[in-house]
């Protein structure tokens, strides 16, 4: 894994949260629109889970 990949993974959660808030969405609203659970999205935002392609449409 390259250093760039490691850095990107560490900031992904913050980027997802920033995007969600910029669009005025709650965790529940964004999770529902993605077909994912609130818990999963919360874990992604806290860098406890890594999404696999599901964020491409956002």
C-alpha atoms as a PDB file:
ATOM      1  CA  UNK A   1       0.000   0.000   0.000  1.00  0.00           C
ATOM      2  CA  UNK A   2       1.386   3.384  -0.979  1.00  0.00           C
ATOM      3  CA  UNK A   3       1.585   6.336   1.381  1.00  0.00           C
ATOM      4  CA  UNK A   4      -0.975   8.147  -0.803  1.00  0.00           C
ATOM      5  CA  UNK A   5      -3.426   5.272  -0.363  1.00  0.00           C
ATOM      6  CA  UNK A   6      -2.891   5.282   3.392  1.00  0.00           C
ATOM      7  CA  UNK A   7      -3.502   9.034   3.575  1.00  0.00           C
ATOM      8  CA  UNK A   8      -6.607   8.790   1.369  1.00  0.00           C
ATOM      9  CA  UNK A   9      -8.049   6.056   3.575  1.00  0.00           C
ATOM     10  CA  UNK A  10      -7.476   8.132   6.702  1.00  0.00           C
ATOM     11  CA  UNK A  11      -9.328  11.138   5.279  1.00  0.00           C
ATOM     12  CA  UNK A  12     -12.139   9.288   3.518  1.00  0.00           C
ATOM     13  CA  UNK A  13     -14.457   9.333   6.526  1.00  0.00           C
ATOM     14  CA  UNK A  14     -14.030  13.059   7.026  1.00  0.00           C
ATOM     15  CA  UNK A  15     -14.628  13.628   3.318  1.00  0.00           C
ATOM     16  CA  UNK A  16     -17.836  11.579   3.409  1.00  0.00           C
ATOM     17  CA  UNK A  17     -19.087  13.523   6.431  1.00  0.00           C
ATOM     18  CA  UNK A  18     -18.230  16.854   4.782  1.00  0.00           C
ATOM     19  CA  UNK A  19     -20.074  15.859   1.601  1.00  0.00           C
ATOM     20  CA  UNK A  20     -23.116  14.655   3.547  1.00  0.00           C
ATOM     21  CA  UNK A  21     -23.329  17.851   5.574  1.00  0.00           C
ATOM     22  CA  UNK A  22     -22.752  20.058   2.515  1.00  0.00           C
ATOM     23  CA  UNK A  23     -25.778  18.415   0.919  1.00  0.00           C
ATOM     24  CA  UNK A  24     -27.821  18.990   4.065  1.00  0.00           C
ATOM     25  CA  UNK A  25     -28.395  15.285   4.688  1.00  0.00           C
ATOM     26  CA  UNK A  26     -28.679  13.456   7.981  1.00  0.00           C
ATOM     27  CA  UNK A  27     -26.917  10.142   8.500  1.00  0.00           C
ATOM     28  CA  UNK A  28     -30.291   8.457   8.143  1.00  0.00           C
ATOM     29  CA  UNK A  29     -31.153  10.204   4.879  1.00  0.00           C
ATOM     30  CA  UNK A  30     -27.815   9.469   3.229  1.00  0.00           C
ATOM     31  CA  UNK A  31     -27.721   5.875   4.439  1.00  0.00           C
ATOM     32  CA  UNK A  32     -31.241   5.272   3.124  1.00  0.00           C
ATOM     33  CA  UNK A  33     -30.400   6.763  -0.269  1.00  0.00           C
ATOM     34  CA  UNK A  34     -27.402   4.425  -0.462  1.00  0.00           C
ATOM     35  CA  UNK A  35     -29.293   1.352   0.671  1.00  0.00           C
ATOM     36  CA  UNK A  36     -27.006   1.048   3.692  1.00  0.00           C
ATOM     37  CA  UNK A  37     -27.577   1.167   7.434  1.00  0.00           C
ATOM     38  CA  UNK A  38     -27.007   4.248   9.562  1.00  0.00           C
ATOM     39  CA  UNK A  39     -24.518   2.246  11.618  1.00  0.00           C
ATOM     40  CA  UNK A  40     -22.469   1.366   8.551  1.00  0.00           C
ATOM     41  CA  UNK A  41     -22.359   4.976   7.337  1.00  0.00           C
ATOM     42  CA  UNK A  42     -21.428   6.165  10.814  1.00  0.00           C
ATOM     43  CA  UNK A  43     -18.557   3.667  10.855  1.00  0.00           C
ATOM     44  CA  UNK A  44     -17.377   4.890   7.447  1.00  0.00           C
ATOM     45  CA  UNK A  45     -17.405   8.497   8.664  1.00  0.00           C
ATOM     46  CA  UNK A  46     -15.357   7.491  11.709  1.00  0.00           C
ATOM     47  CA  UNK A  47     -12.929   5.465   9.557  1.00  0.00           C
ATOM     48  CA  UNK A  48     -13.956   2.214  11.230  1.00  0.00           C
ATOM     49  CA  UNK A  49     -15.217   0.713   7.962  1.00  0.00           C
ATOM     50  CA  UNK A  50     -14.058   1.144   4.377  1.00  0.00           C
ATOM     51  CA  UNK A  51     -16.689   1.365   1.641  1.00  0.00           C
ATOM     52  CA  UNK A  52     -16.214  -0.674  -1.511  1.00  0.00           C
ATOM     53  CA  UNK A  53     -17.408   1.362  -4.477  1.00  0.00           C
ATOM     54  CA  UNK A  54     -20.735   2.404  -2.975  1.00  0.00           C
ATOM     55  CA  UNK A  55     -19.735   6.079  -2.722  1.00  0.00           C
ATOM     56  CA  UNK A  56     -19.020   6.470  -6.437  1.00  0.00           C
ATOM     57  CA  UNK A  57     -22.448   7.954  -7.160  1.00  0.00           C
ATOM     58  CA  UNK A  58     -22.008  10.653  -4.519  1.00  0.00           C
END
